[in-house]
């Protein structure tokens, strides 16, 4: 299992939410993509609580 920082998980959640908001369901393939994205979003949100703190924030705090 890959480990991502909290910031990375947050970014991925935003990207999936954006894709879902623009998805136009016109056929079975679109519906399958929507379900896949919804599952990914659920998984990412579950990881958000387990993700380590972002290294990006620590780097910017020192500059």
N, C-alpha and C. Protein backbone atom coordinates (compact mmCIF):
# COMPACT_ATOMS: atom_id res chain seq x y z
N UNK A 1 0.84 -1.18 0.00
CA UNK A 1 0.00 0.00 0.00
C UNK A 1 0.89 1.24 0.00
N UNK A 2 0.56 2.19 -0.84
CA UNK A 2 1.33 3.43 -0.92
C UNK A 2 0.96 4.38 0.20
N UNK A 3 1.95 5.14 0.65
CA UNK A 3 1.69 6.17 1.64
C UNK A 3 1.79 7.53 0.99
N UNK A 4 0.77 8.34 1.18
CA UNK A 4 0.75 9.69 0.66
C UNK A 4 0.61 10.66 1.82
N UNK A 5 1.15 11.86 1.66
CA UNK A 5 0.99 12.89 2.68
C UNK A 5 -0.47 13.34 2.69
N UNK A 6 -0.86 13.97 3.78
CA UNK A 6 -2.23 14.48 3.89
C UNK A 6 -2.52 15.48 2.77
N UNK A 7 -1.56 16.29 2.41
CA UNK A 7 -1.73 17.29 1.35
C UNK A 7 -1.95 16.61 -0.01
N UNK A 8 -1.21 15.56 -0.27
CA UNK A 8 -1.38 14.83 -1.53
C UNK A 8 -2.75 14.19 -1.59
N UNK A 9 -3.20 13.58 -0.51
CA UNK A 9 -4.53 12.96 -0.48
C UNK A 9 -5.59 14.03 -0.71
N UNK A 10 -5.44 15.19 -0.08
CA UNK A 10 -6.39 16.29 -0.25
C UNK A 10 -6.44 16.74 -1.71
N UNK A 11 -5.30 16.82 -2.35
CA UNK A 11 -5.23 17.21 -3.77
C UNK A 11 -5.92 16.17 -4.65
N UNK A 12 -5.68 14.90 -4.38
CA UNK A 12 -6.32 13.84 -5.15
C UNK A 12 -7.84 13.85 -4.97
N UNK A 13 -8.30 14.09 -3.75
CA UNK A 13 -9.73 14.19 -3.48
C UNK A 13 -10.33 15.33 -4.31
N UNK A 14 -9.66 16.48 -4.31
CA UNK A 14 -10.14 17.61 -5.11
C UNK A 14 -10.23 17.27 -6.59
N UNK A 15 -9.21 16.59 -7.11
CA UNK A 15 -9.21 16.22 -8.53
C UNK A 15 -10.35 15.26 -8.86
N UNK A 16 -10.57 14.27 -8.01
CA UNK A 16 -11.65 13.31 -8.26
C UNK A 16 -13.00 14.01 -8.17
N UNK A 17 -13.17 14.89 -7.17
CA UNK A 17 -14.43 15.62 -7.04
C UNK A 17 -14.69 16.49 -8.27
N UNK A 18 -13.64 17.13 -8.77
CA UNK A 18 -13.79 17.95 -9.98
C UNK A 18 -14.20 17.10 -11.17
N UNK A 19 -13.55 15.96 -11.34
CA UNK A 19 -13.88 15.08 -12.47
C UNK A 19 -15.33 14.62 -12.36
N UNK A 20 -15.76 14.25 -11.15
CA UNK A 20 -17.15 13.82 -10.96
C UNK A 20 -18.13 14.94 -11.30
N UNK A 21 -17.78 16.16 -10.94
CA UNK A 21 -18.71 17.27 -11.18
C UNK A 21 -18.86 17.58 -12.67
N UNK A 22 -17.85 17.26 -13.47
CA UNK A 22 -17.91 17.52 -14.91
C UNK A 22 -18.31 16.31 -15.74
N UNK A 23 -18.47 15.18 -15.10
CA UNK A 23 -18.80 13.95 -15.82
C UNK A 23 -20.23 14.01 -16.34
N UNK A 24 -20.38 13.76 -17.62
CA UNK A 24 -21.69 13.76 -18.26
C UNK A 24 -22.06 12.30 -18.55
N UNK A 25 -23.03 11.80 -17.82
CA UNK A 25 -23.42 10.40 -17.95
C UNK A 25 -24.35 10.23 -19.15
N UNK A 26 -23.82 9.60 -20.20
CA UNK A 26 -24.63 9.38 -21.39
C UNK A 26 -24.76 7.91 -21.77
N UNK A 27 -23.90 7.07 -21.19
CA UNK A 27 -23.97 5.65 -21.53
C UNK A 27 -23.42 4.80 -20.38
N UNK A 28 -23.39 3.51 -20.60
CA UNK A 28 -22.96 2.56 -19.58
C UNK A 28 -21.50 2.77 -19.16
N UNK A 29 -20.65 3.12 -20.12
CA UNK A 29 -19.24 3.36 -19.81
C UNK A 29 -19.08 4.57 -18.89
N UNK A 30 -19.86 5.61 -19.14
CA UNK A 30 -19.81 6.79 -18.28
C UNK A 30 -20.27 6.45 -16.86
N UNK A 31 -21.31 5.63 -16.76
CA UNK A 31 -21.81 5.22 -15.44
C UNK A 31 -20.76 4.39 -14.71
N UNK A 32 -20.07 3.52 -15.43
CA UNK A 32 -19.01 2.71 -14.83
C UNK A 32 -17.87 3.61 -14.34
N UNK A 33 -17.52 4.62 -15.13
CA UNK A 33 -16.47 5.56 -14.72
C UNK A 33 -16.89 6.32 -13.47
N UNK A 34 -18.17 6.72 -13.41
CA UNK A 34 -18.67 7.44 -12.25
C UNK A 34 -18.56 6.58 -10.99
N UNK A 35 -18.94 5.32 -11.11
CA UNK A 35 -18.87 4.42 -9.95
C UNK A 35 -17.42 4.20 -9.52
N UNK A 36 -16.52 4.07 -10.49
CA UNK A 36 -15.10 3.92 -10.18
C UNK A 36 -14.57 5.15 -9.45
N UNK A 37 -14.93 6.34 -9.93
CA UNK A 37 -14.49 7.58 -9.29
C UNK A 37 -15.08 7.72 -7.88
N UNK A 38 -16.34 7.31 -7.71
CA UNK A 38 -16.95 7.38 -6.38
C UNK A 38 -16.24 6.44 -5.40
N UNK A 39 -15.87 5.25 -5.87
CA UNK A 39 -15.13 4.32 -5.01
C UNK A 39 -13.75 4.89 -4.66
N UNK A 40 -13.11 5.49 -5.65
CA UNK A 40 -11.80 6.10 -5.42
C UNK A 40 -11.92 7.22 -4.39
N UNK A 41 -12.97 8.02 -4.49
CA UNK A 41 -13.18 9.12 -3.56
C UNK A 41 -13.40 8.59 -2.14
N UNK A 42 -14.17 7.55 -2.01
CA UNK A 42 -14.39 6.93 -0.70
C UNK A 42 -13.09 6.43 -0.11
N UNK A 43 -12.28 5.77 -0.94
CA UNK A 43 -10.99 5.26 -0.47
C UNK A 43 -10.05 6.39 -0.08
N UNK A 44 -10.00 7.42 -0.91
CA UNK A 44 -9.12 8.56 -0.60
C UNK A 44 -9.55 9.26 0.69
N UNK A 45 -10.85 9.42 0.89
CA UNK A 45 -11.32 10.06 2.11
C UNK A 45 -10.98 9.23 3.33
N UNK A 46 -10.99 7.92 3.18
CA UNK A 46 -10.59 7.04 4.27
C UNK A 46 -9.11 7.18 4.59
N UNK A 47 -8.31 7.39 3.55
CA UNK A 47 -6.86 7.57 3.74
C UNK A 47 -6.52 8.94 4.33
N UNK A 48 -7.40 9.91 4.11
CA UNK A 48 -7.12 11.27 4.58
C UNK A 48 -6.93 11.27 6.09
N UNK A 49 -7.63 10.42 6.79
CA UNK A 49 -7.50 10.38 8.25
C UNK A 49 -6.25 9.61 8.67
N UNK A 50 -5.70 8.79 7.76
CA UNK A 50 -4.53 7.98 8.10
C UNK A 50 -3.24 8.56 7.51
N UNK A 51 -3.34 9.58 6.68
CA UNK A 51 -2.16 10.10 5.98
C UNK A 51 -1.22 10.82 6.94
N UNK A 52 0.09 10.65 6.72
CA UNK A 52 1.06 11.37 7.54
C UNK A 52 1.01 12.86 7.24
N UNK A 53 1.47 13.70 8.16
CA UNK A 53 1.48 15.14 7.90
C UNK A 53 2.28 15.45 6.64
N UNK A 54 1.93 16.53 6.00
CA UNK A 54 2.57 16.91 4.75
C UNK A 54 3.97 17.44 4.98
N UNK A 55 4.92 16.92 4.23
CA UNK A 55 6.29 17.42 4.29
C UNK A 55 6.35 18.81 3.67
N UNK A 56 5.44 19.11 2.73
CA UNK A 56 5.42 20.42 2.09
C UNK A 56 5.26 21.53 3.13
N UNK A 57 4.40 21.31 4.10
CA UNK A 57 4.15 22.34 5.10
C UNK A 57 5.37 22.58 5.96
N UNK A 58 6.08 21.51 6.29
CA UNK A 58 7.28 21.65 7.11
C UNK A 58 8.37 22.40 6.36
N UNK A 59 8.49 22.16 5.08
CA UNK A 59 9.51 22.83 4.28
C UNK A 59 9.19 24.33 4.18
N UNK A 60 7.93 24.67 3.92
CA UNK A 60 7.55 26.08 3.79
C UNK A 60 7.62 26.81 5.13
N UNK A 61 7.44 26.11 6.22
CA UNK A 61 7.48 26.75 7.53
C UNK A 61 8.89 27.22 7.88
N UNK A 62 9.91 26.59 7.32
CA UNK A 62 11.29 26.94 7.63
C UNK A 62 11.83 28.07 6.77
N UNK A 63 11.10 28.50 5.72
CA UNK A 63 11.61 29.53 4.81
C UNK A 63 11.02 30.87 5.11
